[in-house]
Amino acid sequence: MIVIFDFDGTIHKTELVYKEALYQTLIDLGIDPKTVDYKKYIGMSPKACWDDILKDDSDKDYLINLNGKRIREKLEKTGALYENSYETLEYLKDKYDLYILSKCLRAYMIEARRVFGLDRYFTKYLVGEDFDFIDKYKILRQTVTGDYLMVGDRKEDILAAYENKQKSVFASYGYGKPQEGELADYKIDDIRQLMEIL
């Protein structure tokens, strides 16, 4: 069986790099960061994030690239995985194939792989940019055959399994609201609990 992880909010404590980078970009735009709930955007595609913040249909490529660069620069300085992530991944990698499915930019995942040594644990990375940021359940439908368990902190992660008749685990310690995990088969409040489920 394959265990597929969302990255931001499930393995990666994203606010440590995301909040400061986003606030910096908002200030550049003359937007008061206090008016923006940054946690809402963790896990969204970059374009969807900026479309929602700016509420217009302008070209967002410059902002996506600028903010993406700022986030990547912070990964090595202030980024961190959730406590117990390495221990849990070490346990799971000998029993299952581990994949990451993230609605992120390719450059971000490449840098995260380097900084956190992810290639030691994961055999495949399904990155939103490579699929034109389509819904996660569609990405899995196109790329994964056989049974899998999806682990994530957002409704889209849970639907990625549900829409494909697979099981899911809701990471309640991440950035999603509790109701986002309503369709999940399991709920965990610490990544270590995966070792009990699996």
N, C-alpha and C. Protein backbone atom coordinates (compact mmCIF):
# COMPACT_ATOMS: atom_id res chain seq x y z
N MET A 1 0.84 -1.21 0.00
CA MET A 1 0.00 0.00 0.00
C MET A 1 0.87 1.25 0.00
N ILE A 2 0.29 2.34 -0.52
CA ILE A 2 0.98 3.62 -0.57
C ILE A 2 0.37 4.54 0.48
N VAL A 3 1.21 5.28 1.18
CA VAL A 3 0.74 6.33 2.09
C VAL A 3 1.13 7.66 1.46
N ILE A 4 0.12 8.48 1.19
CA ILE A 4 0.33 9.76 0.50
C ILE A 4 0.11 10.91 1.48
N PHE A 5 1.11 11.74 1.61
CA PHE A 5 1.07 12.86 2.55
C PHE A 5 0.89 14.19 1.82
N ASP A 6 -0.01 14.99 2.32
CA ASP A 6 0.05 16.42 2.04
C ASP A 6 1.32 16.92 2.74
N PHE A 7 1.87 18.03 2.28
CA PHE A 7 3.12 18.51 2.88
C PHE A 7 2.88 19.64 3.89
N ASP A 8 2.29 20.74 3.43
CA ASP A 8 2.13 21.91 4.29
C ASP A 8 0.99 21.72 5.28
N GLY A 9 1.34 21.76 6.56
CA GLY A 9 0.33 21.57 7.60
C GLY A 9 0.16 20.12 8.02
N THR A 10 0.87 19.21 7.34
CA THR A 10 0.80 17.80 7.69
C THR A 10 2.17 17.29 8.13
N ILE A 11 3.19 17.64 7.36
CA ILE A 11 4.57 17.31 7.72
C ILE A 11 5.33 18.59 8.07
N HIS A 12 5.10 19.62 7.27
CA HIS A 12 5.85 20.88 7.39
C HIS A 12 5.05 21.91 8.18
N LYS A 13 5.68 22.48 9.20
CA LYS A 13 5.06 23.55 10.00
C LYS A 13 5.21 24.86 9.23
N THR A 14 4.37 25.01 8.24
CA THR A 14 4.55 26.00 7.18
C THR A 14 4.53 27.44 7.66
N GLU A 15 3.79 27.73 8.71
CA GLU A 15 3.69 29.12 9.16
C GLU A 15 5.05 29.72 9.49
N LEU A 16 6.03 28.88 9.84
CA LEU A 16 7.36 29.37 10.20
C LEU A 16 8.05 30.06 9.03
N VAL A 17 7.68 29.71 7.81
CA VAL A 17 8.26 30.37 6.63
C VAL A 17 7.23 31.20 5.88
N TYR A 18 5.99 30.80 5.95
CA TYR A 18 4.94 31.39 5.09
C TYR A 18 4.47 32.75 5.60
N LYS A 19 4.25 32.84 6.89
CA LYS A 19 3.67 34.06 7.46
C LYS A 19 4.53 35.28 7.18
N GLU A 20 5.80 35.19 7.49
CA GLU A 20 6.69 36.34 7.33
C GLU A 20 6.85 36.72 5.86
N ALA A 21 6.96 35.71 4.99
CA ALA A 21 7.10 35.97 3.55
C ALA A 21 5.85 36.66 3.01
N LEU A 22 4.69 36.12 3.36
CA LEU A 22 3.43 36.70 2.88
C LEU A 22 3.26 38.13 3.39
N TYR A 23 3.53 38.33 4.67
CA TYR A 23 3.38 39.67 5.26
C TYR A 23 4.27 40.69 4.54
N GLN A 24 5.50 40.26 4.21
CA GLN A 24 6.43 41.14 3.51
C GLN A 24 5.86 41.55 2.15
N THR A 25 5.29 40.59 1.44
CA THR A 25 4.72 40.86 0.12
C THR A 25 3.47 41.73 0.23
N LEU A 26 2.65 41.48 1.24
CA LEU A 26 1.46 42.30 1.44
C LEU A 26 1.84 43.76 1.73
N ILE A 27 2.86 43.95 2.55
CA ILE A 27 3.31 45.31 2.87
C ILE A 27 3.80 46.01 1.60
N ASP A 28 4.53 45.26 0.74
CA ASP A 28 4.97 45.83 -0.55
C ASP A 28 3.78 46.32 -1.38
N LEU A 29 2.65 45.63 -1.24
CA LEU A 29 1.45 45.98 -2.00
C LEU A 29 0.60 47.05 -1.32
N GLY A 30 1.03 47.45 -0.10
CA GLY A 30 0.25 48.45 0.64
C GLY A 30 -0.95 47.86 1.35
N ILE A 31 -0.92 46.54 1.60
CA ILE A 31 -2.02 45.86 2.30
C ILE A 31 -1.60 45.59 3.73
N ASP A 32 -2.45 45.93 4.68
CA ASP A 32 -2.17 45.69 6.09
C ASP A 32 -2.24 44.18 6.36
N PRO A 33 -1.13 43.54 6.75
CA PRO A 33 -1.14 42.09 7.01
C PRO A 33 -2.18 41.66 8.03
N LYS A 34 -2.53 42.55 8.95
CA LYS A 34 -3.51 42.19 9.99
C LYS A 34 -4.89 41.92 9.40
N THR A 35 -5.12 42.38 8.17
CA THR A 35 -6.43 42.17 7.53
C THR A 35 -6.50 40.83 6.79
N VAL A 36 -5.41 40.08 6.80
CA VAL A 36 -5.33 38.82 6.04
C VAL A 36 -5.08 37.64 6.98
N ASP A 37 -5.91 36.62 6.89
CA ASP A 37 -5.72 35.39 7.67
C ASP A 37 -4.79 34.47 6.89
N TYR A 38 -3.49 34.53 7.20
CA TYR A 38 -2.50 33.80 6.40
C TYR A 38 -2.73 32.29 6.44
N LYS A 39 -3.26 31.76 7.55
CA LYS A 39 -3.45 30.31 7.66
C LYS A 39 -4.45 29.78 6.64
N LYS A 40 -5.37 30.64 6.25
CA LYS A 40 -6.39 30.26 5.26
C LYS A 40 -5.74 29.84 3.94
N TYR A 41 -4.58 30.43 3.64
CA TYR A 41 -3.96 30.23 2.32
C TYR A 41 -2.93 29.10 2.29
N ILE A 42 -2.58 28.57 3.44
CA ILE A 42 -1.60 27.48 3.46
C ILE A 42 -2.26 26.23 2.88
N GLY A 43 -1.68 25.73 1.80
CA GLY A 43 -2.24 24.56 1.13
C GLY A 43 -2.99 24.89 -0.15
N MET A 44 -3.31 26.17 -0.36
CA MET A 44 -3.96 26.59 -1.61
C MET A 44 -2.90 26.77 -2.69
N SER A 45 -3.31 26.69 -3.94
CA SER A 45 -2.37 26.99 -5.02
C SER A 45 -2.02 28.48 -4.95
N PRO A 46 -0.79 28.84 -5.35
CA PRO A 46 -0.38 30.25 -5.25
C PRO A 46 -1.33 31.21 -5.99
N LYS A 47 -1.78 30.83 -7.17
CA LYS A 47 -2.67 31.72 -7.92
C LYS A 47 -4.00 31.90 -7.20
N ALA A 48 -4.56 30.80 -6.68
CA ALA A 48 -5.83 30.90 -5.94
C ALA A 48 -5.68 31.81 -4.73
N CYS A 49 -4.55 31.72 -4.08
CA CYS A 49 -4.25 32.56 -2.91
C CYS A 49 -4.29 34.04 -3.29
N TRP A 50 -3.54 34.41 -4.33
CA TRP A 50 -3.46 35.83 -4.70
C TRP A 50 -4.74 36.33 -5.35
N ASP A 51 -5.45 35.46 -6.06
CA ASP A 51 -6.76 35.86 -6.59
C ASP A 51 -7.70 36.22 -5.45
N ASP A 52 -7.64 35.44 -4.38
CA ASP A 52 -8.52 35.68 -3.24
C ASP A 52 -8.12 36.95 -2.48
N ILE A 53 -6.84 37.14 -2.31
CA ILE A 53 -6.37 38.33 -1.56
C ILE A 53 -6.68 39.61 -2.32
N LEU A 54 -6.40 39.63 -3.62
CA LEU A 54 -6.54 40.86 -4.40
C LEU A 54 -7.94 41.03 -5.00
N LYS A 55 -8.71 39.93 -5.04
CA LYS A 55 -10.09 40.00 -5.53
C LYS A 55 -10.18 40.63 -6.93
N ASP A 56 -9.26 40.26 -7.80
CA ASP A 56 -9.33 40.73 -9.18
C ASP A 56 -8.74 39.65 -10.10
N ASP A 57 -8.75 39.92 -11.40
CA ASP A 57 -8.27 38.92 -12.35
C ASP A 57 -6.96 39.36 -13.02
N SER A 58 -6.18 40.17 -12.30
CA SER A 58 -4.91 40.64 -12.85
C SER A 58 -3.90 39.48 -12.91
N ASP A 59 -2.85 39.69 -13.67
CA ASP A 59 -1.78 38.69 -13.79
C ASP A 59 -1.01 38.64 -12.47
N LYS A 60 -0.97 37.48 -11.86
CA LYS A 60 -0.34 37.34 -10.54
C LYS A 60 1.06 36.71 -10.60
N ASP A 61 1.58 36.47 -11.81
CA ASP A 61 2.85 35.72 -11.92
C ASP A 61 3.99 36.38 -11.13
N TYR A 62 4.06 37.72 -11.21
CA TYR A 62 5.13 38.43 -10.50
C TYR A 62 5.04 38.17 -9.00
N LEU A 63 3.83 38.29 -8.45
CA LEU A 63 3.64 38.08 -7.01
C LEU A 63 3.90 36.62 -6.61
N ILE A 64 3.45 35.70 -7.44
CA ILE A 64 3.66 34.27 -7.17
C ILE A 64 5.16 33.98 -7.10
N ASN A 65 5.90 34.52 -8.06
CA ASN A 65 7.35 34.27 -8.10
C ASN A 65 8.08 34.97 -6.95
N LEU A 66 7.70 36.21 -6.68
CA LEU A 66 8.35 36.97 -5.60
C LEU A 66 8.10 36.31 -4.24
N ASN A 67 6.83 36.02 -3.95
CA ASN A 67 6.51 35.42 -2.66
C ASN A 67 7.09 34.01 -2.55
N GLY A 68 7.06 33.27 -3.66
CA GLY A 68 7.64 31.93 -3.67
C GLY A 68 9.12 31.95 -3.35
N LYS A 69 9.82 32.92 -3.91
CA LYS A 69 11.26 33.08 -3.65
C LYS A 69 11.50 33.39 -2.18
N ARG A 70 10.69 34.26 -1.62
CA ARG A 70 10.84 34.62 -0.20
C ARG A 70 10.61 33.41 0.70
N ILE A 71 9.62 32.61 0.37
CA ILE A 71 9.33 31.41 1.17
C ILE A 71 10.52 30.43 1.08
N ARG A 72 11.02 30.22 -0.13
CA ARG A 72 12.14 29.28 -0.30
C ARG A 72 13.38 29.73 0.47
N GLU A 73 13.63 31.03 0.47
CA GLU A 73 14.80 31.56 1.18
C GLU A 73 14.70 31.31 2.68
N LYS A 74 13.47 31.27 3.18
CA LYS A 74 13.28 31.09 4.62
C LYS A 74 13.30 29.61 5.04
N LEU A 75 13.14 28.69 4.08
CA LEU A 75 13.07 27.27 4.44
C LEU A 75 14.27 26.82 5.27
N GLU A 76 15.47 27.18 4.81
CA GLU A 76 16.67 26.73 5.51
C GLU A 76 16.87 27.47 6.82
N LYS A 77 16.48 28.74 6.85
CA LYS A 77 16.72 29.57 8.04
C LYS A 77 15.73 29.26 9.16
N THR A 78 14.45 29.20 8.83
CA THR A 78 13.44 29.09 9.89
C THR A 78 12.47 27.93 9.72
N GLY A 79 12.58 27.19 8.62
CA GLY A 79 11.65 26.09 8.37
C GLY A 79 11.87 24.91 9.31
N ALA A 80 10.81 24.15 9.56
CA ALA A 80 10.91 22.96 10.41
C ALA A 80 9.75 22.03 10.12
N LEU A 81 10.01 20.75 10.23
CA LEU A 81 8.93 19.77 10.17
C LEU A 81 8.28 19.70 11.55
N TYR A 82 7.06 19.20 11.59
CA TYR A 82 6.40 18.99 12.88
C TYR A 82 7.22 18.02 13.73
N GLU A 83 7.18 18.27 15.03
CA GLU A 83 7.84 17.37 15.97
C GLU A 83 7.34 15.94 15.72
N ASN A 84 8.22 15.00 15.76
CA ASN A 84 7.94 13.57 15.56
C ASN A 84 7.76 13.16 14.10
N SER A 85 7.93 14.10 13.16
CA SER A 85 7.79 13.75 11.74
C SER A 85 8.86 12.76 11.30
N TYR A 86 10.10 13.06 11.61
CA TYR A 86 11.19 12.18 11.16
C TYR A 86 11.04 10.77 11.75
N GLU A 87 10.74 10.71 13.02
CA GLU A 87 10.56 9.42 13.69
C GLU A 87 9.45 8.61 13.01
N THR A 88 8.35 9.28 12.71
CA THR A 88 7.21 8.60 12.08
C THR A 88 7.53 8.16 10.66
N LEU A 89 8.15 9.03 9.89
CA LEU A 89 8.50 8.69 8.51
C LEU A 89 9.53 7.56 8.46
N GLU A 90 10.44 7.55 9.38
CA GLU A 90 11.44 6.47 9.46
C GLU A 90 10.75 5.13 9.68
N TYR A 91 9.77 5.13 10.55
CA TYR A 91 9.00 3.91 10.85
C TYR A 91 8.21 3.45 9.62
N LEU A 92 7.56 4.40 8.94
CA LEU A 92 6.65 4.06 7.84
C LEU A 92 7.38 3.66 6.56
N LYS A 93 8.55 4.24 6.32
CA LYS A 93 9.20 4.03 5.01
C LYS A 93 9.62 2.59 4.78
N ASP A 94 9.82 1.83 5.86
CA ASP A 94 10.20 0.42 5.70
C ASP A 94 8.98 -0.48 5.45
N LYS A 95 7.80 0.06 5.63
CA LYS A 95 6.57 -0.73 5.49
C LYS A 95 5.74 -0.36 4.26
N TYR A 96 5.85 0.88 3.81
CA TYR A 96 5.00 1.39 2.73
C TYR A 96 5.80 2.25 1.76
N ASP A 97 5.27 2.42 0.56
CA ASP A 97 5.77 3.46 -0.33
C ASP A 97 5.17 4.78 0.15
N LEU A 98 5.99 5.80 0.29
CA LEU A 98 5.53 7.10 0.77
C LEU A 98 5.63 8.13 -0.36
N TYR A 99 4.52 8.83 -0.61
CA TYR A 99 4.46 9.90 -1.61
C TYR A 99 4.09 11.21 -0.92
N ILE A 100 4.44 12.31 -1.59
CA ILE A 100 3.94 13.63 -1.19
C ILE A 100 3.06 14.15 -2.32
N LEU A 101 1.91 14.71 -1.93
CA LEU A 101 1.00 15.38 -2.87
C LEU A 101 0.77 16.79 -2.34
N SER A 102 1.23 17.79 -3.09
CA SER A 102 1.14 19.18 -2.60
C SER A 102 0.75 20.12 -3.73
N LYS A 103 -0.10 21.11 -3.42
CA LYS A 103 -0.53 22.10 -4.41
C LYS A 103 0.50 23.25 -4.51
N CYS A 104 1.77 22.91 -4.47
CA CYS A 104 2.81 23.93 -4.40
C CYS A 104 3.51 24.12 -5.74
N LEU A 105 4.43 25.08 -5.75
CA LEU A 105 5.31 25.29 -6.89
C LEU A 105 6.42 24.24 -6.88
N ARG A 106 6.89 23.88 -8.06
CA ARG A 106 7.95 22.87 -8.20
C ARG A 106 9.22 23.30 -7.44
N ALA A 107 9.60 24.57 -7.59
CA ALA A 107 10.85 25.05 -6.97
C ALA A 107 10.79 24.94 -5.45
N TYR A 108 9.62 25.15 -4.89
CA TYR A 108 9.43 25.04 -3.43
C TYR A 108 9.66 23.60 -2.97
N MET A 109 9.10 22.64 -3.69
CA MET A 109 9.26 21.25 -3.29
C MET A 109 10.70 20.78 -3.47
N ILE A 110 11.36 21.25 -4.51
CA ILE A 110 12.77 20.90 -4.72
C ILE A 110 13.61 21.40 -3.54
N GLU A 111 13.36 22.62 -3.11
CA GLU A 111 14.11 23.18 -1.99
C GLU A 111 13.77 22.48 -0.68
N ALA A 112 12.50 22.16 -0.47
CA ALA A 112 12.09 21.44 0.75
C ALA A 112 12.74 20.05 0.80
N ARG A 113 12.81 19.38 -0.34
CA ARG A 113 13.46 18.07 -0.40
C ARG A 113 14.91 18.18 0.05
N ARG A 114 15.60 19.23 -0.41
CA ARG A 114 17.00 19.42 -0.06
C ARG A 114 17.16 19.76 1.43
N VAL A 115 16.41 20.76 1.88
CA VAL A 115 16.56 21.26 3.25
C VAL A 115 16.22 20.19 4.29
N PHE A 116 15.14 19.44 4.07
CA PHE A 116 14.65 18.49 5.07
C PHE A 116 15.04 17.04 4.80
N GLY A 117 15.82 16.80 3.73
CA GLY A 117 16.24 15.45 3.43
C GLY A 117 15.09 14.50 3.14
N LEU A 118 14.09 14.98 2.41
CA LEU A 118 12.87 14.20 2.21
C LEU A 118 13.08 12.95 1.35
N ASP A 119 14.09 12.98 0.48
CA ASP A 119 14.29 11.84 -0.42
C ASP A 119 14.68 10.57 0.33
N ARG A 120 15.05 10.71 1.55
CA ARG A 120 15.35 9.54 2.38
C ARG A 120 14.07 8.74 2.67
N TYR A 121 12.92 9.41 2.61
CA TYR A 121 11.66 8.79 3.01
C TYR A 121 10.68 8.62 1.84
N PHE A 122 10.65 9.58 0.92
CA PHE A 122 9.61 9.61 -0.10
C PHE A 122 10.13 9.15 -1.46
N THR A 123 9.31 8.38 -2.16
CA THR A 123 9.71 7.86 -3.47
C THR A 123 9.07 8.61 -4.63
N LYS A 124 8.03 9.39 -4.35
CA LYS A 124 7.38 10.14 -5.43
C LYS A 124 6.82 11.45 -4.88
N TYR A 125 6.88 12.49 -5.73
CA TYR A 125 6.36 13.82 -5.38
C TYR A 125 5.38 14.25 -6.47
N LEU A 126 4.15 14.46 -6.08
CA LEU A 126 3.11 14.93 -6.99
C LEU A 126 2.86 16.40 -6.67
N VAL A 127 3.34 17.27 -7.54
CA VAL A 127 3.41 18.70 -7.26
C VAL A 127 2.39 19.45 -8.11
N GLY A 128 1.61 20.30 -7.46
CA GLY A 128 0.52 21.02 -8.12
C GLY A 128 0.91 21.68 -9.43
N GLU A 129 2.05 22.34 -9.45
CA GLU A 129 2.46 23.05 -10.66
C GLU A 129 2.59 22.11 -11.86
N ASP A 130 3.01 20.87 -11.62
CA ASP A 130 3.17 19.90 -12.70
C ASP A 130 1.84 19.44 -13.29
N PHE A 131 0.75 19.73 -12.58
CA PHE A 131 -0.59 19.31 -13.02
C PHE A 131 -1.51 20.51 -13.23
N ASP A 132 -0.91 21.68 -13.43
CA ASP A 132 -1.68 22.91 -13.65
C ASP A 132 -2.66 23.18 -12.50
N PHE A 133 -2.27 22.75 -11.29
CA PHE A 133 -3.02 23.02 -10.06
C PHE A 133 -4.46 22.51 -10.09
N ILE A 134 -4.69 21.39 -10.75
CA ILE A 134 -6.03 20.79 -10.71
C ILE A 134 -6.29 20.22 -9.32
N ASP A 135 -7.52 19.83 -9.04
CA ASP A 135 -7.87 19.28 -7.73
C ASP A 135 -7.04 18.04 -7.42
N LYS A 136 -6.75 17.86 -6.15
CA LYS A 136 -5.90 16.74 -5.74
C LYS A 136 -6.49 15.38 -6.09
N TYR A 137 -7.81 15.24 -5.96
CA TYR A 137 -8.40 13.94 -6.27
C TYR A 137 -8.19 13.58 -7.74
N LYS A 138 -8.15 14.60 -8.61
CA LYS A 138 -7.91 14.36 -10.03
C LYS A 138 -6.45 13.97 -10.28
N ILE A 139 -5.54 14.61 -9.56
CA ILE A 139 -4.12 14.25 -9.69
C ILE A 139 -3.92 12.78 -9.32
N LEU A 140 -4.52 12.36 -8.21
CA LEU A 140 -4.37 10.97 -7.78
C LEU A 140 -5.04 10.01 -8.75
N ARG A 141 -6.17 10.41 -9.28
CA ARG A 141 -6.88 9.56 -10.24
C ARG A 141 -6.03 9.32 -11.49
N GLN A 142 -5.25 10.32 -11.85
CA GLN A 142 -4.40 10.23 -13.05
C GLN A 142 -3.11 9.45 -12.82
N THR A 143 -2.64 9.44 -11.58
CA THR A 143 -1.25 8.99 -11.36
C THR A 143 -1.08 7.76 -10.49
N VAL A 144 -2.06 7.44 -9.65
CA VAL A 144 -1.86 6.37 -8.68
C VAL A 144 -2.84 5.23 -8.93
N THR A 145 -2.28 4.03 -9.08
CA THR A 145 -3.13 2.84 -9.19
C THR A 145 -2.95 2.03 -7.92
N GLY A 146 -3.96 1.31 -7.54
CA GLY A 146 -3.88 0.52 -6.32
C GLY A 146 -4.36 1.32 -5.11
N ASP A 147 -4.34 0.67 -3.98
CA ASP A 147 -4.87 1.28 -2.76
C ASP A 147 -3.86 2.23 -2.12
N TYR A 148 -4.38 3.27 -1.51
CA TYR A 148 -3.53 4.20 -0.78
C TYR A 148 -4.31 4.78 0.40
N LEU A 149 -3.57 5.37 1.31
CA LEU A 149 -4.13 6.12 2.43
C LEU A 149 -3.63 7.55 2.29
N MET A 150 -4.55 8.50 2.30
CA MET A 150 -4.19 9.92 2.17
C MET A 150 -4.17 10.57 3.54
N VAL A 151 -3.10 11.30 3.83
CA VAL A 151 -2.96 12.00 5.11
C VAL A 151 -2.85 13.50 4.84
N GLY A 152 -3.76 14.29 5.42
CA GLY A 152 -3.70 15.72 5.20
C GLY A 152 -4.52 16.51 6.19
N ASP A 153 -4.34 17.84 6.14
CA ASP A 153 -4.98 18.72 7.13
C ASP A 153 -6.08 19.58 6.53
N ARG A 154 -6.41 19.37 5.26
CA ARG A 154 -7.42 20.18 4.60
C ARG A 154 -8.50 19.30 3.97
N LYS A 155 -9.66 19.91 3.75
CA LYS A 155 -10.78 19.17 3.13
C LYS A 155 -10.36 18.58 1.78
N GLU A 156 -9.58 19.33 1.02
CA GLU A 156 -9.17 18.84 -0.30
C GLU A 156 -8.36 17.55 -0.19
N ASP A 157 -7.57 17.42 0.87
CA ASP A 157 -6.80 16.18 1.08
C ASP A 157 -7.73 15.01 1.36
N ILE A 158 -8.72 15.25 2.19
CA ILE A 158 -9.68 14.19 2.54
C ILE A 158 -10.50 13.79 1.31
N LEU A 159 -10.91 14.79 0.53
CA LEU A 159 -11.65 14.51 -0.70
C LEU A 159 -10.80 13.78 -1.73
N ALA A 160 -9.49 14.00 -1.69
CA ALA A 160 -8.60 13.30 -2.62
C ALA A 160 -8.71 11.79 -2.46
N ALA A 161 -8.96 11.36 -1.23
CA ALA A 161 -9.19 9.93 -0.98
C ALA A 161 -10.66 9.57 -1.20
N TYR A 162 -11.54 10.35 -0.63
CA TYR A 162 -12.98 10.05 -0.67
C TYR A 162 -13.51 9.92 -2.10
N GLU A 163 -13.12 10.84 -2.96
CA GLU A 163 -13.60 10.83 -4.35
C GLU A 163 -13.04 9.64 -5.13
N ASN A 164 -11.99 9.02 -4.62
CA ASN A 164 -11.39 7.86 -5.29
C ASN A 164 -11.61 6.57 -4.51
N LYS A 165 -12.56 6.62 -3.55
CA LYS A 165 -12.92 5.45 -2.74
C LYS A 165 -11.71 4.85 -2.00
N GLN A 166 -10.90 5.74 -1.45
CA GLN A 166 -9.76 5.35 -0.64
C GLN A 166 -9.92 5.93 0.77
N LYS A 167 -9.08 5.48 1.68
CA LYS A 167 -9.19 5.94 3.07
C LYS A 167 -8.28 7.15 3.32
N SER A 168 -8.66 7.90 4.38
CA SER A 168 -7.90 9.11 4.68
C SER A 168 -7.73 9.31 6.18
N VAL A 169 -6.72 10.12 6.49
CA VAL A 169 -6.43 10.52 7.87
C VAL A 169 -6.41 12.04 7.91
N PHE A 170 -7.18 12.63 8.82
CA PHE A 170 -7.21 14.08 8.98
C PHE A 170 -6.22 14.49 10.06
N ALA A 171 -5.25 15.32 9.68
CA ALA A 171 -4.25 15.82 10.61
C ALA A 171 -4.81 17.08 11.29
N SER A 172 -5.44 16.89 12.43
CA SER A 172 -6.14 18.00 13.08
C SER A 172 -5.19 19.05 13.67
N TYR A 173 -3.90 18.70 13.75
CA TYR A 173 -2.91 19.65 14.28
C TYR A 173 -2.48 20.68 13.23
N GLY A 174 -2.91 20.49 11.97
CA GLY A 174 -2.50 21.38 10.89
C GLY A 174 -3.34 22.65 10.82
N TYR A 175 -3.59 23.12 9.61
CA TYR A 175 -4.20 24.44 9.42
C TYR A 175 -5.69 24.39 9.07
N GLY A 176 -6.24 23.21 8.90
CA GLY A 176 -7.65 23.10 8.56
C GLY A 176 -8.55 23.25 9.78
N LYS A 177 -9.76 23.68 9.53
CA LYS A 177 -10.76 23.74 10.61
C LYS A 177 -11.30 22.33 10.85
N PRO A 178 -11.78 22.02 12.06
CA PRO A 178 -12.23 20.66 12.39
C PRO A 178 -13.21 20.07 11.38
N GLN A 179 -14.13 20.90 10.87
CA GLN A 179 -15.14 20.37 9.95
C GLN A 179 -14.54 19.91 8.61
N GLU A 180 -13.31 20.37 8.32
CA GLU A 180 -12.67 19.94 7.07
C GLU A 180 -12.34 18.45 7.08
N GLY A 181 -12.31 17.86 8.27
CA GLY A 181 -11.98 16.45 8.38
C GLY A 181 -13.18 15.53 8.55
N GLU A 182 -14.38 16.06 8.32
CA GLU A 182 -15.60 15.28 8.58
C GLU A 182 -15.67 13.96 7.83
N LEU A 183 -15.16 13.91 6.62
CA LEU A 183 -15.25 12.70 5.80
C LEU A 183 -14.06 11.75 6.00
N ALA A 184 -13.14 12.10 6.89
CA ALA A 184 -11.94 11.27 7.09
C ALA A 184 -12.29 9.98 7.84
N ASP A 185 -11.52 8.95 7.57
CA ASP A 185 -11.69 7.67 8.27
C ASP A 185 -11.03 7.70 9.64
N TYR A 186 -9.98 8.47 9.77
CA TYR A 186 -9.26 8.60 11.05
C TYR A 186 -8.93 10.07 11.27
N LYS A 187 -8.75 10.43 12.53
CA LYS A 187 -8.28 11.77 12.87
C LYS A 187 -7.11 11.62 13.84
N ILE A 188 -6.08 12.42 13.63
CA ILE A 188 -4.91 12.38 14.53
C ILE A 188 -4.59 13.80 14.98
N ASP A 189 -4.08 13.93 16.20
CA ASP A 189 -3.64 15.24 16.66
C ASP A 189 -2.13 15.28 16.89
N ASP A 190 -1.45 14.23 16.46
CA ASP A 190 0.02 14.16 16.48
C ASP A 190 0.40 13.18 15.38
N ILE A 191 1.39 13.53 14.58
CA ILE A 191 1.76 12.67 13.45
C ILE A 191 2.19 11.27 13.92
N ARG A 192 2.67 11.18 15.16
CA ARG A 192 3.09 9.87 15.69
C ARG A 192 1.95 8.86 15.70
N GLN A 193 0.72 9.33 15.78
CA GLN A 193 -0.42 8.42 15.84
C GLN A 193 -0.57 7.58 14.57
N LEU A 194 0.09 7.99 13.50
CA LEU A 194 0.08 7.17 12.28
C LEU A 194 0.72 5.80 12.54
N MET A 195 1.65 5.77 13.45
CA MET A 195 2.30 4.49 13.77
C MET A 195 1.34 3.52 14.43
N GLU A 196 0.33 4.04 15.09
CA GLU A 196 -0.70 3.18 15.70
C GLU A 196 -1.70 2.71 14.63
N ILE A 197 -2.06 3.62 13.72
CA ILE A 197 -3.02 3.28 12.66
C ILE A 197 -2.40 2.31 11.65
N LEU A 198 -1.14 2.52 11.36
CA LEU A 198 -0.47 1.73 10.31
C LEU A 198 0.51 0.74 10.93
